[in-house]
Amino acid sequence: MQTAIPQFETERLILREVLEKDIPSYKKNFIDYDVIRWLSSAIPWPYPENGVEDFFENTLLPNQGKDNWVWGIFLKEDNTELIGVVHLWREGRPENRGFWLAKKHWNKGIMSEAVKPVLNYAFSSLGFEKLIFANALGNVASRKVKEKTGCKLIEIREGSFVDKALKKQEIWELKKEDWK
């Protein structure tokens, strides 16, 4: 079953479905070692030349709305440049959500603002009772997003990341009743 990807607006942001026209800004803002280093080692580094196009064509677009939802993050002042994404998926690995944000927009509270409507949607419309999140141990910015949204740290375990020096991950939980 496919679910349409709703658009959300916050004070500063527009979150909408990621489209092929977003590939140039996705490439510009995602292919940056400082952004990618914190992500799962499933992400290749160095990033392949056509990696974003392949991801869109083979993974993102065919699965969008089928237990897999990806919102592009856009500033209201420039709603043409994708500056990050919030990715939600039904089947945990162990996590149900991932995100990334262009480095030039770090430390401005953008991701904390962006994840809130996605969490509302996950619990109110998609039927999630709990969500599991993960981040590399030491990724303070990602940890802060989880803390600001009421998540509880439940475990620290081994992890594998693009940055091979990162060996552990924090596992977080957010239950529907705690979000409300």
N, C-alpha and C. Protein backbone atom coordinates (compact mmCIF):
# COMPACT_ATOMS: atom_id res chain seq x y z
N MET A 1 0.84 -1.19 0.00
CA MET A 1 0.00 0.00 0.00
C MET A 1 0.88 1.25 0.00
N GLN A 2 0.57 2.17 -0.86
CA GLN A 2 1.34 3.40 -0.95
C GLN A 2 0.59 4.52 -0.25
N THR A 3 1.32 5.32 0.50
CA THR A 3 0.76 6.45 1.21
C THR A 3 1.37 7.71 0.63
N ALA A 4 0.54 8.68 0.29
CA ALA A 4 1.04 9.96 -0.21
C ALA A 4 1.91 10.60 0.87
N ILE A 5 2.91 11.33 0.45
CA ILE A 5 3.80 12.01 1.38
C ILE A 5 3.24 13.41 1.62
N PRO A 6 2.72 13.68 2.81
CA PRO A 6 2.15 15.00 3.06
C PRO A 6 3.24 16.07 3.18
N GLN A 7 2.88 17.28 2.85
CA GLN A 7 3.80 18.41 3.04
C GLN A 7 3.52 19.03 4.40
N PHE A 8 4.59 19.44 5.07
CA PHE A 8 4.47 20.09 6.37
C PHE A 8 5.17 21.45 6.31
N GLU A 9 4.64 22.39 7.08
CA GLU A 9 5.30 23.68 7.25
C GLU A 9 5.51 23.92 8.73
N THR A 10 6.68 24.44 9.05
CA THR A 10 6.99 24.85 10.42
C THR A 10 7.28 26.34 10.35
N GLU A 11 7.75 26.89 11.43
CA GLU A 11 8.04 28.32 11.45
C GLU A 11 9.00 28.73 10.34
N ARG A 12 10.06 27.94 10.13
CA ARG A 12 11.09 28.32 9.15
C ARG A 12 11.19 27.40 7.95
N LEU A 13 10.49 26.26 8.00
CA LEU A 13 10.76 25.19 7.04
C LEU A 13 9.53 24.72 6.27
N ILE A 14 9.82 24.15 5.11
CA ILE A 14 8.85 23.37 4.36
C ILE A 14 9.45 21.97 4.24
N LEU A 15 8.67 20.97 4.59
CA LEU A 15 9.07 19.58 4.41
C LEU A 15 8.13 18.99 3.38
N ARG A 16 8.70 18.47 2.31
CA ARG A 16 7.87 17.89 1.26
C ARG A 16 8.56 16.68 0.67
N GLU A 17 7.79 15.93 -0.11
CA GLU A 17 8.31 14.76 -0.80
C GLU A 17 9.55 15.13 -1.61
N VAL A 18 10.54 14.27 -1.60
CA VAL A 18 11.74 14.46 -2.40
C VAL A 18 11.44 14.03 -3.84
N LEU A 19 11.82 14.86 -4.80
CA LEU A 19 11.55 14.63 -6.21
C LEU A 19 12.84 14.63 -7.03
N GLU A 20 12.77 14.11 -8.24
CA GLU A 20 13.95 14.08 -9.10
C GLU A 20 14.58 15.46 -9.27
N LYS A 21 13.77 16.50 -9.31
CA LYS A 21 14.29 17.86 -9.49
C LYS A 21 15.19 18.29 -8.31
N ASP A 22 15.14 17.54 -7.20
CA ASP A 22 15.95 17.86 -6.02
C ASP A 22 17.34 17.24 -6.07
N ILE A 23 17.62 16.43 -7.08
CA ILE A 23 18.91 15.74 -7.15
C ILE A 23 20.09 16.70 -7.09
N PRO A 24 20.12 17.80 -7.85
CA PRO A 24 21.30 18.69 -7.78
C PRO A 24 21.57 19.23 -6.38
N SER A 25 20.53 19.68 -5.66
CA SER A 25 20.79 20.22 -4.31
C SER A 25 21.05 19.10 -3.31
N TYR A 26 20.48 17.91 -3.55
CA TYR A 26 20.78 16.75 -2.70
C TYR A 26 22.27 16.45 -2.80
N LYS A 27 22.78 16.38 -4.04
CA LYS A 27 24.21 16.11 -4.25
C LYS A 27 25.07 17.19 -3.61
N LYS A 28 24.72 18.42 -3.84
CA LYS A 28 25.50 19.56 -3.33
C LYS A 28 25.63 19.51 -1.80
N ASN A 29 24.55 19.16 -1.12
CA ASN A 29 24.54 19.25 0.34
C ASN A 29 24.82 17.94 1.06
N PHE A 30 24.63 16.80 0.38
CA PHE A 30 24.84 15.50 1.02
C PHE A 30 26.27 14.99 0.85
N ILE A 31 26.84 15.18 -0.32
CA ILE A 31 28.16 14.59 -0.59
C ILE A 31 29.24 15.47 0.05
N ASP A 32 29.37 15.32 1.34
CA ASP A 32 30.29 16.08 2.17
C ASP A 32 30.71 15.12 3.29
N TYR A 33 31.97 14.83 3.40
CA TYR A 33 32.42 13.86 4.39
C TYR A 33 31.95 14.21 5.80
N ASP A 34 31.94 15.50 6.14
CA ASP A 34 31.50 15.89 7.48
C ASP A 34 30.04 15.52 7.74
N VAL A 35 29.22 15.48 6.71
CA VAL A 35 27.82 15.05 6.83
C VAL A 35 27.75 13.53 6.86
N ILE A 36 28.38 12.90 5.89
CA ILE A 36 28.27 11.45 5.70
C ILE A 36 29.00 10.63 6.75
N ARG A 37 30.05 11.17 7.34
CA ARG A 37 30.88 10.38 8.26
C ARG A 37 30.11 9.77 9.41
N TRP A 38 29.03 10.41 9.83
CA TRP A 38 28.24 9.94 10.96
C TRP A 38 27.23 8.86 10.58
N LEU A 39 27.08 8.60 9.28
CA LEU A 39 26.04 7.69 8.81
C LEU A 39 26.55 6.25 8.76
N SER A 40 25.63 5.34 8.61
CA SER A 40 25.94 3.91 8.55
C SER A 40 26.96 3.61 7.46
N SER A 41 27.77 2.61 7.73
CA SER A 41 28.77 2.19 6.74
C SER A 41 28.12 1.61 5.49
N ALA A 42 26.79 1.45 5.49
CA ALA A 42 26.09 1.05 4.27
C ALA A 42 26.19 2.16 3.21
N ILE A 43 26.47 3.39 3.64
CA ILE A 43 26.68 4.51 2.72
C ILE A 43 28.12 4.43 2.25
N PRO A 44 28.35 4.39 0.94
CA PRO A 44 29.74 4.28 0.46
C PRO A 44 30.50 5.59 0.59
N TRP A 45 31.79 5.47 0.86
CA TRP A 45 32.70 6.64 0.84
C TRP A 45 34.03 6.17 0.31
N PRO A 46 34.62 6.84 -0.67
CA PRO A 46 34.10 8.03 -1.32
C PRO A 46 32.77 7.73 -2.03
N TYR A 47 31.93 8.75 -2.05
CA TYR A 47 30.59 8.57 -2.60
C TYR A 47 30.67 8.45 -4.12
N PRO A 48 29.99 7.47 -4.71
CA PRO A 48 30.08 7.25 -6.16
C PRO A 48 29.56 8.45 -6.95
N GLU A 49 30.12 8.64 -8.13
CA GLU A 49 29.77 9.78 -8.98
C GLU A 49 28.26 9.86 -9.25
N ASN A 50 27.63 8.75 -9.55
CA ASN A 50 26.18 8.74 -9.81
C ASN A 50 25.39 8.16 -8.64
N GLY A 51 25.97 8.22 -7.45
CA GLY A 51 25.34 7.61 -6.28
C GLY A 51 23.99 8.19 -5.93
N VAL A 52 23.84 9.50 -6.02
CA VAL A 52 22.56 10.12 -5.67
C VAL A 52 21.51 9.73 -6.70
N GLU A 53 21.86 9.80 -7.97
CA GLU A 53 20.92 9.41 -9.02
C GLU A 53 20.49 7.95 -8.85
N ASP A 54 21.45 7.07 -8.57
CA ASP A 54 21.14 5.65 -8.36
C ASP A 54 20.23 5.45 -7.14
N PHE A 55 20.52 6.17 -6.07
CA PHE A 55 19.70 6.08 -4.85
C PHE A 55 18.26 6.52 -5.16
N PHE A 56 18.11 7.63 -5.85
CA PHE A 56 16.77 8.11 -6.20
C PHE A 56 16.04 7.09 -7.07
N GLU A 57 16.70 6.63 -8.11
CA GLU A 57 16.07 5.75 -9.10
C GLU A 57 15.75 4.36 -8.56
N ASN A 58 16.66 3.81 -7.77
CA ASN A 58 16.53 2.41 -7.36
C ASN A 58 15.99 2.19 -5.94
N THR A 59 16.09 3.19 -5.10
CA THR A 59 15.69 3.02 -3.70
C THR A 59 14.62 4.02 -3.27
N LEU A 60 14.93 5.29 -3.34
CA LEU A 60 14.05 6.30 -2.79
C LEU A 60 12.71 6.37 -3.51
N LEU A 61 12.70 6.68 -4.78
CA LEU A 61 11.45 6.91 -5.50
C LEU A 61 10.56 5.66 -5.61
N PRO A 62 11.09 4.47 -5.91
CA PRO A 62 10.21 3.30 -5.99
C PRO A 62 9.57 2.90 -4.66
N ASN A 63 10.20 3.26 -3.55
CA ASN A 63 9.70 2.85 -2.23
C ASN A 63 8.98 3.96 -1.48
N GLN A 64 8.98 5.16 -2.03
CA GLN A 64 8.37 6.31 -1.35
C GLN A 64 6.89 6.04 -1.09
N GLY A 65 6.51 6.13 0.19
CA GLY A 65 5.13 5.92 0.58
C GLY A 65 4.75 4.46 0.82
N LYS A 66 5.69 3.54 0.63
CA LYS A 66 5.44 2.10 0.87
C LYS A 66 6.25 1.69 2.10
N ASP A 67 5.79 2.04 3.25
CA ASP A 67 6.52 1.79 4.50
C ASP A 67 7.88 2.46 4.52
N ASN A 68 8.01 3.53 3.75
CA ASN A 68 9.26 4.27 3.60
C ASN A 68 8.87 5.69 3.16
N TRP A 69 9.23 6.67 3.96
CA TRP A 69 8.84 8.05 3.68
C TRP A 69 10.06 8.95 3.80
N VAL A 70 10.28 9.79 2.81
CA VAL A 70 11.42 10.71 2.83
C VAL A 70 10.93 12.12 2.55
N TRP A 71 11.20 13.01 3.50
CA TRP A 71 10.86 14.42 3.33
C TRP A 71 12.13 15.22 3.09
N GLY A 72 12.10 16.05 2.07
CA GLY A 72 13.16 17.02 1.87
C GLY A 72 12.91 18.21 2.79
N ILE A 73 13.99 18.77 3.30
CA ILE A 73 13.91 19.94 4.17
C ILE A 73 14.30 21.15 3.33
N PHE A 74 13.43 22.16 3.32
CA PHE A 74 13.66 23.39 2.56
C PHE A 74 13.40 24.58 3.47
N LEU A 75 14.23 25.60 3.37
CA LEU A 75 13.97 26.83 4.10
C LEU A 75 12.84 27.56 3.38
N LYS A 76 11.93 28.17 4.12
CA LYS A 76 10.84 28.92 3.50
C LYS A 76 11.39 30.05 2.63
N GLU A 77 12.51 30.62 3.06
CA GLU A 77 13.09 31.74 2.30
C GLU A 77 13.71 31.30 0.97
N ASP A 78 14.00 30.00 0.82
CA ASP A 78 14.51 29.47 -0.46
C ASP A 78 14.00 28.04 -0.59
N ASN A 79 12.76 27.93 -1.08
CA ASN A 79 12.14 26.60 -1.10
C ASN A 79 12.52 25.79 -2.34
N THR A 80 13.62 26.16 -2.99
CA THR A 80 14.08 25.38 -4.15
C THR A 80 15.30 24.52 -3.81
N GLU A 81 16.00 24.85 -2.73
CA GLU A 81 17.22 24.09 -2.39
C GLU A 81 16.96 23.15 -1.23
N LEU A 82 17.07 21.84 -1.51
CA LEU A 82 16.98 20.82 -0.48
C LEU A 82 18.23 20.92 0.39
N ILE A 83 18.04 21.12 1.70
CA ILE A 83 19.19 21.27 2.60
C ILE A 83 19.37 20.08 3.52
N GLY A 84 18.47 19.11 3.43
CA GLY A 84 18.56 17.91 4.26
C GLY A 84 17.34 17.06 4.05
N VAL A 85 17.28 15.94 4.75
CA VAL A 85 16.12 15.07 4.69
C VAL A 85 15.83 14.47 6.05
N VAL A 86 14.57 14.08 6.21
CA VAL A 86 14.15 13.22 7.32
C VAL A 86 13.57 11.98 6.65
N HIS A 87 14.11 10.83 7.02
CA HIS A 87 13.75 9.55 6.39
C HIS A 87 13.14 8.66 7.47
N LEU A 88 11.94 8.18 7.22
CA LEU A 88 11.23 7.33 8.16
C LEU A 88 10.93 6.01 7.46
N TRP A 89 11.14 4.90 8.17
CA TRP A 89 10.81 3.61 7.58
C TRP A 89 10.18 2.72 8.65
N ARG A 90 9.31 1.84 8.18
CA ARG A 90 8.54 0.99 9.08
C ARG A 90 9.43 -0.07 9.73
N GLU A 91 10.23 -0.77 8.94
CA GLU A 91 11.04 -1.87 9.46
C GLU A 91 12.34 -1.34 10.06
N GLY A 92 12.50 -1.50 11.36
CA GLY A 92 13.68 -1.00 12.05
C GLY A 92 14.95 -1.77 11.71
N ARG A 93 16.09 -1.02 11.71
CA ARG A 93 17.39 -1.65 11.37
C ARG A 93 18.49 -1.26 12.36
N PRO A 94 18.43 -1.04 13.58
CA PRO A 94 17.23 -1.17 14.39
C PRO A 94 16.34 0.08 14.33
N GLU A 95 16.87 1.18 13.82
CA GLU A 95 16.15 2.45 13.88
C GLU A 95 15.07 2.56 12.81
N ASN A 96 14.12 3.49 13.08
CA ASN A 96 13.02 3.76 12.16
C ASN A 96 13.15 5.13 11.50
N ARG A 97 14.19 5.87 11.84
CA ARG A 97 14.34 7.20 11.25
C ARG A 97 15.81 7.53 11.11
N GLY A 98 16.10 8.22 10.02
CA GLY A 98 17.43 8.78 9.82
C GLY A 98 17.26 10.19 9.31
N PHE A 99 18.32 10.97 9.39
CA PHE A 99 18.28 12.31 8.83
C PHE A 99 19.69 12.79 8.57
N TRP A 100 19.77 13.80 7.71
CA TRP A 100 21.02 14.50 7.49
C TRP A 100 20.69 15.94 7.16
N LEU A 101 21.65 16.82 7.41
CA LEU A 101 21.48 18.25 7.17
C LEU A 101 22.78 18.82 6.65
N ALA A 102 22.67 19.70 5.66
CA ALA A 102 23.85 20.36 5.10
C ALA A 102 24.63 21.07 6.21
N LYS A 103 25.94 20.97 6.14
CA LYS A 103 26.81 21.49 7.20
C LYS A 103 26.58 22.98 7.47
N LYS A 104 26.31 23.76 6.43
CA LYS A 104 26.14 25.21 6.62
C LYS A 104 24.90 25.55 7.46
N HIS A 105 24.05 24.55 7.71
CA HIS A 105 22.83 24.78 8.49
C HIS A 105 22.87 24.11 9.87
N TRP A 106 24.01 23.57 10.24
CA TRP A 106 24.15 22.94 11.55
C TRP A 106 24.03 23.98 12.67
N ASN A 107 23.61 23.49 13.83
CA ASN A 107 23.56 24.28 15.07
C ASN A 107 22.62 25.48 15.00
N LYS A 108 21.53 25.32 14.26
CA LYS A 108 20.51 26.37 14.17
C LYS A 108 19.14 25.86 14.61
N GLY A 109 19.08 24.61 15.10
CA GLY A 109 17.82 24.03 15.53
C GLY A 109 16.93 23.57 14.38
N ILE A 110 17.46 23.52 13.18
CA ILE A 110 16.66 23.16 12.02
C ILE A 110 16.18 21.71 12.10
N MET A 111 17.06 20.79 12.45
CA MET A 111 16.64 19.39 12.47
C MET A 111 15.63 19.13 13.58
N SER A 112 15.81 19.74 14.73
CA SER A 112 14.82 19.57 15.80
C SER A 112 13.45 20.07 15.35
N GLU A 113 13.44 21.15 14.60
CA GLU A 113 12.19 21.69 14.06
C GLU A 113 11.61 20.76 12.99
N ALA A 114 12.47 20.19 12.16
CA ALA A 114 12.02 19.36 11.04
C ALA A 114 11.43 18.03 11.48
N VAL A 115 11.97 17.43 12.52
CA VAL A 115 11.50 16.08 12.90
C VAL A 115 10.14 16.11 13.59
N LYS A 116 9.74 17.22 14.16
CA LYS A 116 8.48 17.25 14.94
C LYS A 116 7.25 16.91 14.11
N PRO A 117 7.03 17.53 12.95
CA PRO A 117 5.83 17.13 12.19
C PRO A 117 5.92 15.69 11.68
N VAL A 118 7.12 15.20 11.44
CA VAL A 118 7.28 13.80 11.01
C VAL A 118 6.90 12.86 12.15
N LEU A 119 7.31 13.19 13.35
CA LEU A 119 6.93 12.37 14.51
C LEU A 119 5.41 12.41 14.73
N ASN A 120 4.81 13.59 14.61
CA ASN A 120 3.35 13.69 14.72
C ASN A 120 2.68 12.79 13.70
N TYR A 121 3.14 12.82 12.47
CA TYR A 121 2.57 12.03 11.39
C TYR A 121 2.76 10.53 11.65
N ALA A 122 3.95 10.16 12.11
CA ALA A 122 4.24 8.74 12.38
C ALA A 122 3.28 8.18 13.42
N PHE A 123 3.06 8.93 14.47
CA PHE A 123 2.20 8.44 15.56
C PHE A 123 0.71 8.61 15.26
N SER A 124 0.32 9.70 14.62
CA SER A 124 -1.12 9.95 14.42
C SER A 124 -1.67 9.33 13.15
N SER A 125 -0.89 9.28 12.08
CA SER A 125 -1.42 8.80 10.79
C SER A 125 -0.89 7.45 10.36
N LEU A 126 0.33 7.13 10.71
CA LEU A 126 0.94 5.87 10.25
C LEU A 126 0.81 4.74 11.26
N GLY A 127 0.34 5.03 12.45
CA GLY A 127 0.06 3.98 13.42
C GLY A 127 1.25 3.46 14.21
N PHE A 128 2.36 4.17 14.20
CA PHE A 128 3.49 3.73 15.02
C PHE A 128 3.13 3.86 16.50
N GLU A 129 3.49 2.86 17.28
CA GLU A 129 3.32 2.92 18.74
C GLU A 129 4.63 3.33 19.41
N LYS A 130 5.74 3.01 18.76
CA LYS A 130 7.05 3.46 19.24
C LYS A 130 7.98 3.55 18.05
N LEU A 131 9.00 4.37 18.20
CA LEU A 131 10.03 4.53 17.19
C LEU A 131 11.38 4.32 17.84
N ILE A 132 12.27 3.71 17.12
CA ILE A 132 13.65 3.50 17.58
C ILE A 132 14.56 4.36 16.71
N PHE A 133 15.49 5.03 17.34
CA PHE A 133 16.45 5.89 16.65
C PHE A 133 17.85 5.47 17.05
N ALA A 134 18.81 5.76 16.20
CA ALA A 134 20.21 5.44 16.51
C ALA A 134 21.09 6.56 16.01
N ASN A 135 22.22 6.70 16.64
CA ASN A 135 23.25 7.63 16.17
C ASN A 135 24.60 7.15 16.66
N ALA A 136 25.62 7.57 15.94
CA ALA A 136 26.99 7.24 16.35
C ALA A 136 27.26 7.88 17.71
N LEU A 137 27.87 7.11 18.60
CA LEU A 137 28.30 7.65 19.87
C LEU A 137 29.29 8.77 19.57
N GLY A 138 29.02 9.93 20.10
CA GLY A 138 29.87 11.09 19.82
C GLY A 138 29.21 12.10 18.88
N ASN A 139 28.12 11.70 18.23
CA ASN A 139 27.40 12.63 17.36
C ASN A 139 26.46 13.46 18.25
N VAL A 140 27.03 14.51 18.82
CA VAL A 140 26.32 15.33 19.81
C VAL A 140 25.09 15.99 19.21
N ALA A 141 25.19 16.46 17.99
CA ALA A 141 24.04 17.15 17.37
C ALA A 141 22.86 16.20 17.21
N SER A 142 23.11 14.99 16.76
CA SER A 142 22.04 14.02 16.60
C SER A 142 21.45 13.64 17.96
N ARG A 143 22.31 13.51 18.94
CA ARG A 143 21.86 13.21 20.30
C ARG A 143 20.93 14.30 20.83
N LYS A 144 21.29 15.56 20.56
CA LYS A 144 20.48 16.69 21.05
C LYS A 144 19.09 16.68 20.43
N VAL A 145 18.99 16.31 19.15
CA VAL A 145 17.67 16.24 18.50
C VAL A 145 16.81 15.22 19.25
N LYS A 146 17.39 14.10 19.59
CA LYS A 146 16.64 13.06 20.30
C LYS A 146 16.24 13.54 21.70
N GLU A 147 17.16 14.17 22.40
CA GLU A 147 16.86 14.66 23.74
C GLU A 147 15.74 15.71 23.70
N LYS A 148 15.80 16.61 22.71
CA LYS A 148 14.79 17.68 22.61
C LYS A 148 13.41 17.14 22.27
N THR A 149 13.34 15.96 21.69
CA THR A 149 12.04 15.40 21.33
C THR A 149 11.57 14.32 22.30
N GLY A 150 12.22 14.21 23.45
CA GLY A 150 11.74 13.34 24.52
C GLY A 150 12.13 11.88 24.41
N CYS A 151 13.09 11.57 23.56
CA CYS A 151 13.52 10.17 23.42
C CYS A 151 14.29 9.72 24.66
N LYS A 152 14.27 8.42 24.89
CA LYS A 152 15.01 7.84 26.02
C LYS A 152 16.13 6.97 25.48
N LEU A 153 17.34 7.19 25.99
CA LEU A 153 18.48 6.35 25.63
C LEU A 153 18.27 4.99 26.27
N ILE A 154 18.27 3.93 25.46
CA ILE A 154 18.01 2.60 26.00
C ILE A 154 19.20 1.67 25.92
N GLU A 155 20.18 1.99 25.07
CA GLU A 155 21.31 1.05 24.91
C GLU A 155 22.45 1.72 24.15
N ILE A 156 23.65 1.26 24.45
CA ILE A 156 24.82 1.59 23.62
C ILE A 156 25.38 0.26 23.15
N ARG A 157 25.56 0.14 21.83
CA ARG A 157 26.03 -1.12 21.26
C ARG A 157 27.02 -0.84 20.14
N GLU A 158 27.59 -1.92 19.63
CA GLU A 158 28.52 -1.80 18.51
C GLU A 158 27.80 -1.20 17.31
N GLY A 159 28.54 -0.47 16.50
CA GLY A 159 27.99 0.12 15.29
C GLY A 159 29.06 0.23 14.23
N SER A 160 28.63 0.44 13.01
CA SER A 160 29.55 0.55 11.89
C SER A 160 29.17 1.79 11.08
N PHE A 161 30.11 2.68 10.91
CA PHE A 161 29.83 3.98 10.29
C PHE A 161 30.82 4.27 9.18
N VAL A 162 30.49 5.27 8.38
CA VAL A 162 31.40 5.69 7.30
C VAL A 162 32.75 6.04 7.90
N ASP A 163 32.77 6.79 9.00
CA ASP A 163 34.00 7.09 9.72
C ASP A 163 34.37 5.84 10.52
N LYS A 164 35.38 5.15 10.08
CA LYS A 164 35.77 3.86 10.70
C LYS A 164 36.21 4.01 12.15
N ALA A 165 36.52 5.23 12.59
CA ALA A 165 36.91 5.45 13.99
C ALA A 165 35.70 5.37 14.92
N LEU A 166 34.50 5.51 14.37
CA LEU A 166 33.28 5.42 15.17
C LEU A 166 32.88 3.96 15.29
N LYS A 167 32.83 3.45 16.51
CA LYS A 167 32.61 2.02 16.73
C LYS A 167 31.34 1.69 17.51
N LYS A 168 30.73 2.68 18.12
CA LYS A 168 29.56 2.43 18.98
C LYS A 168 28.42 3.34 18.55
N GLN A 169 27.21 2.84 18.84
CA GLN A 169 26.03 3.64 18.55
C GLN A 169 25.11 3.69 19.75
N GLU A 170 24.41 4.81 19.88
CA GLU A 170 23.40 4.97 20.90
C GLU A 170 22.06 4.56 20.28
N ILE A 171 21.26 3.83 21.04
CA ILE A 171 19.93 3.42 20.61
C ILE A 171 18.92 4.14 21.50
N TRP A 172 17.97 4.79 20.87
CA TRP A 172 16.97 5.60 21.56
C TRP A 172 15.58 5.08 21.25
N GLU A 173 14.64 5.36 22.15
CA GLU A 173 13.26 4.96 21.95
C GLU A 173 12.34 6.15 22.25
N LEU A 174 11.30 6.26 21.43
CA LEU A 174 10.25 7.24 21.69
C LEU A 174 8.92 6.52 21.54
N LYS A 175 8.15 6.46 22.64
CA LYS A 175 6.84 5.82 22.60
C LYS A 175 5.77 6.87 22.33
N LYS A 176 4.72 6.42 21.66
CA LYS A 176 3.62 7.31 21.30
C LYS A 176 3.09 8.07 22.52
N GLU A 177 2.90 7.35 23.63
CA GLU A 177 2.35 8.02 24.82
C GLU A 177 3.31 9.07 25.41
N ASP A 178 4.60 8.89 25.19
CA ASP A 178 5.57 9.87 25.69
C ASP A 178 5.62 11.08 24.76
N TRP A 179 5.34 10.87 23.48
CA TRP A 179 5.35 12.00 22.54
C TRP A 179 4.16 12.91 22.79
N LYS A 180 3.00 12.32 23.07
CA LYS A 180 1.81 13.13 23.29
C LYS A 180 1.96 13.89 24.59
